[in-house]
C-alpha atoms as a PDB file:
ATOM      1  CA  MET A   1       0.044   0.029  -0.243  1.00  0.00           C
ATOM      2  CA  CYS A   2       1.289   3.711  -0.782  1.00  0.00           C
ATOM      3  CA  ARG A   3       2.141   5.280   2.257  1.00  0.00           C
ATOM      4  CA  ARG A   4       1.058   8.568   0.664  1.00  0.00           C
ATOM      5  CA  PRO A   5      -2.649  10.248   1.696  1.00  0.00           C
ATOM      6  CA  GLY A   6      -4.977   9.450  -1.414  1.00  0.00           C
ATOM      7  CA  PRO A   7      -5.652   5.695  -3.078  1.00  0.00           C
ATOM      8  CA  PRO A   8      -4.376   2.515  -2.130  1.00  0.00           C
ATOM      9  CA  LEU A   9      -1.826   2.497  -5.111  1.00  0.00           C
ATOM     10  CA  CYS A  10      -0.252   5.798  -6.483  1.00  0.00           C
ATOM     11  CA  ALA A  11       0.776   6.481 -10.010  1.00  0.00           C
ATOM     12  CA  ARG A  12       4.505   6.472  -8.558  1.00  0.00           C
ATOM     13  CA  CYS A  13       4.235   3.377  -6.672  1.00  0.00           C
ATOM     14  CA  GLY A  14       1.969   1.748  -9.578  1.00  0.00           C
ATOM     15  CA  GLN A  15       4.884   2.477 -11.839  1.00  0.00           C
ATOM     16  CA  ASP A  16       6.849  -0.262  -9.630  1.00  0.00           C
ATOM     17  CA  VAL A  17       3.961  -3.014  -9.944  1.00  0.00           C
ATOM     18  CA  ARG A  18       4.856  -5.651 -12.789  1.00  0.00           C
ATOM     19  CA  SER A  19       2.602  -8.292 -14.676  1.00  0.00           C
ATOM     20  CA  ALA A  20       3.263 -12.009 -12.947  1.00  0.00           C
ATOM     21  CA  LEU A  21       4.946 -14.327 -15.417  1.00  0.00           C
ATOM     22  CA  PRO A  22       2.828 -17.120 -16.617  1.00  0.00           C
ATOM     23  CA  VAL A  23       2.186 -19.875 -13.920  1.00  0.00           C
ATOM     24  CA  GLY A  24       3.221 -23.288 -14.214  1.00  0.00           C
ATOM     25  CA  PRO A  25       1.599 -26.528 -13.473  1.00  0.00           C
ATOM     26  CA  VAL A  26      -0.584 -26.761 -10.470  1.00  0.00           C
ATOM     27  CA  ASP A  27      -1.350 -30.332  -9.536  1.00  0.00           C
ATOM     28  CA  GLY A  28      -5.323 -30.666  -9.161  1.00  0.00           C
ATOM     29  CA  VAL A  29      -6.060 -27.297 -10.913  1.00  0.00           C
ATOM     30  CA  ASP A  30      -7.053 -26.893 -14.205  1.00  0.00           C
ATOM     31  CA  ARG A  31      -5.875 -23.373 -14.720  1.00  0.00           C
ATOM     32  CA  ALA A  32      -4.292 -20.873 -12.730  1.00  0.00           C
ATOM     33  CA  LEU A  33      -3.079 -16.923 -13.546  1.00  0.00           C
ATOM     34  CA  ALA A  34      -1.566 -14.348 -11.672  1.00  0.00           C
ATOM     35  CA  ALA A  35      -1.999 -10.877 -12.120  1.00  0.00           C
ATOM     36  CA  LEU A  36       0.984  -9.538 -10.752  1.00  0.00           C
ATOM     37  CA  GLU A  37       4.259 -10.319  -9.257  1.00  0.00           C
ATOM     38  CA  TYR A  38       4.181 -10.903  -5.427  1.00  0.00           C
ATOM     39  CA  GLU A  39       6.755  -8.021  -4.450  1.00  0.00           C
ATOM     40  CA  GLY A  40       6.888  -4.337  -3.739  1.00  0.00           C
ATOM     41  CA  PRO A  41       4.007  -2.245  -3.895  1.00  0.00           C
ATOM     42  CA  ALA A  42       1.814  -5.478  -5.115  1.00  0.00           C
ATOM     43  CA  ARG A  43       2.811  -7.568  -2.355  1.00  0.00           C
ATOM     44  CA  ALA A  44       2.146  -4.845   0.198  1.00  0.00           C
ATOM     45  CA  LEU A  45      -1.447  -4.570  -1.068  1.00  0.00           C
ATOM     46  CA  VAL A  46      -2.119  -8.079  -0.544  1.00  0.00           C
ATOM     47  CA  LEU A  47      -0.983  -8.058   3.157  1.00  0.00           C
ATOM     48  CA  ALA A  48      -2.877  -5.039   3.913  1.00  0.00           C
ATOM     49  CA  LEU A  49      -5.876  -6.644   2.745  1.00  0.00           C
ATOM     50  CA  LYS A  50      -5.409 -10.125   4.226  1.00  0.00           C
ATOM     51  CA  LEU A  51      -3.370  -9.238   7.496  1.00  0.00           C
ATOM     52  CA  SER A  52      -4.684  -5.908   8.239  1.00  0.00           C
ATOM     53  CA  GLY A  53      -8.134  -6.177   6.802  1.00  0.00           C
ATOM     54  CA  ARG A  54      -7.513  -2.742   4.595  1.00  0.00           C
ATOM     55  CA  ARG A  55     -10.514  -3.715   1.855  1.00  0.00           C
ATOM     56  CA  GLU A  56      -9.597  -0.432  -0.041  1.00  0.00           C
ATOM     57  CA  ALA A  57      -6.230  -2.341  -0.949  1.00  0.00           C
ATOM     58  CA  ALA A  58      -8.625  -4.760  -2.931  1.00  0.00           C
ATOM     59  CA  GLU A  59      -9.708  -2.356  -5.750  1.00  0.00           C
ATOM     60  CA  PRO A  60      -5.857  -2.125  -7.573  1.00  0.00           C
ATOM     61  CA  LEU A  61      -5.596  -5.760  -6.936  1.00  0.00           C
ATOM     62  CA  VAL A  62      -9.221  -6.685  -8.596  1.00  0.00           C
ATOM     63  CA  GLU A  63      -8.552  -4.460 -11.525  1.00  0.00           C
ATOM     64  CA  ALA A  64      -5.097  -6.382 -12.092  1.00  0.00           C
ATOM     65  CA  MET A  65      -7.016  -9.495 -11.860  1.00  0.00           C
ATOM     66  CA  TRP A  66      -9.854  -8.887 -14.058  1.00  0.00           C
ATOM     67  CA  LYS A  67      -7.362  -7.062 -16.834  1.00  0.00           C
ATOM     68  CA  THR A  68      -5.605 -10.666 -16.804  1.00  0.00           C
ATOM     69  CA  VAL A  69      -8.597 -12.689 -17.260  1.00  0.00           C
ATOM     70  CA  VAL A  70     -10.195 -10.690 -19.899  1.00  0.00           C
ATOM     71  CA  GLY A  71      -6.557 -10.208 -21.719  1.00  0.00           C
ATOM     72  CA  ARG A  72      -6.770 -14.146 -21.553  1.00  0.00           C
ATOM     73  CA  GLY A  73     -10.202 -14.302 -23.568  1.00  0.00           C
ATOM     74  CA  LEU A  74     -11.571 -15.979 -20.516  1.00  0.00           C
ATOM     75  CA  HIS A  75     -15.158 -15.366 -18.999  1.00  0.00           C
ATOM     76  CA  GLY A  76     -16.869 -16.339 -16.077  1.00  0.00           C
ATOM     77  CA  THR A  77     -19.277 -15.385 -13.489  1.00  0.00           C
ATOM     78  CA  VAL A  78     -17.151 -15.210 -10.608  1.00  0.00           C
ATOM     79  CA  LEU A  79     -13.528 -14.039  -9.857  1.00  0.00           C
ATOM     80  CA  THR A  80     -11.706 -15.298  -6.747  1.00  0.00           C
ATOM     81  CA  TRP A  81      -8.332 -15.344  -4.845  1.00  0.00           C
ATOM     82  CA  VAL A  82      -6.713 -18.203  -2.926  1.00  0.00           C
ATOM     83  CA  PRO A  83      -7.277 -17.947   0.763  1.00  0.00           C
ATOM     84  CA  ALA A  84      -4.591 -17.062   3.167  1.00  0.00           C
ATOM     85  CA  ARG A  85      -5.641 -19.413   5.347  1.00  0.00           C
END
């Protein structure tokens, strides 16, 4: 999460967010996608959401997930994440 006042991910921090590399095979899973590399500002957003309950951190994460799904030509009725626990 950005420490500056305003949105959870400012334009400057957003420049440091990188798209994830393709996910390799996962046993028992038909398909797995990752939207962002789990580092820097993206990692901070995930941790703020999961460990501190900072719901505003979800918005840029959901946007990245949605862009990844649509960019792969996929569609569905539910878009979800892997729970932490």
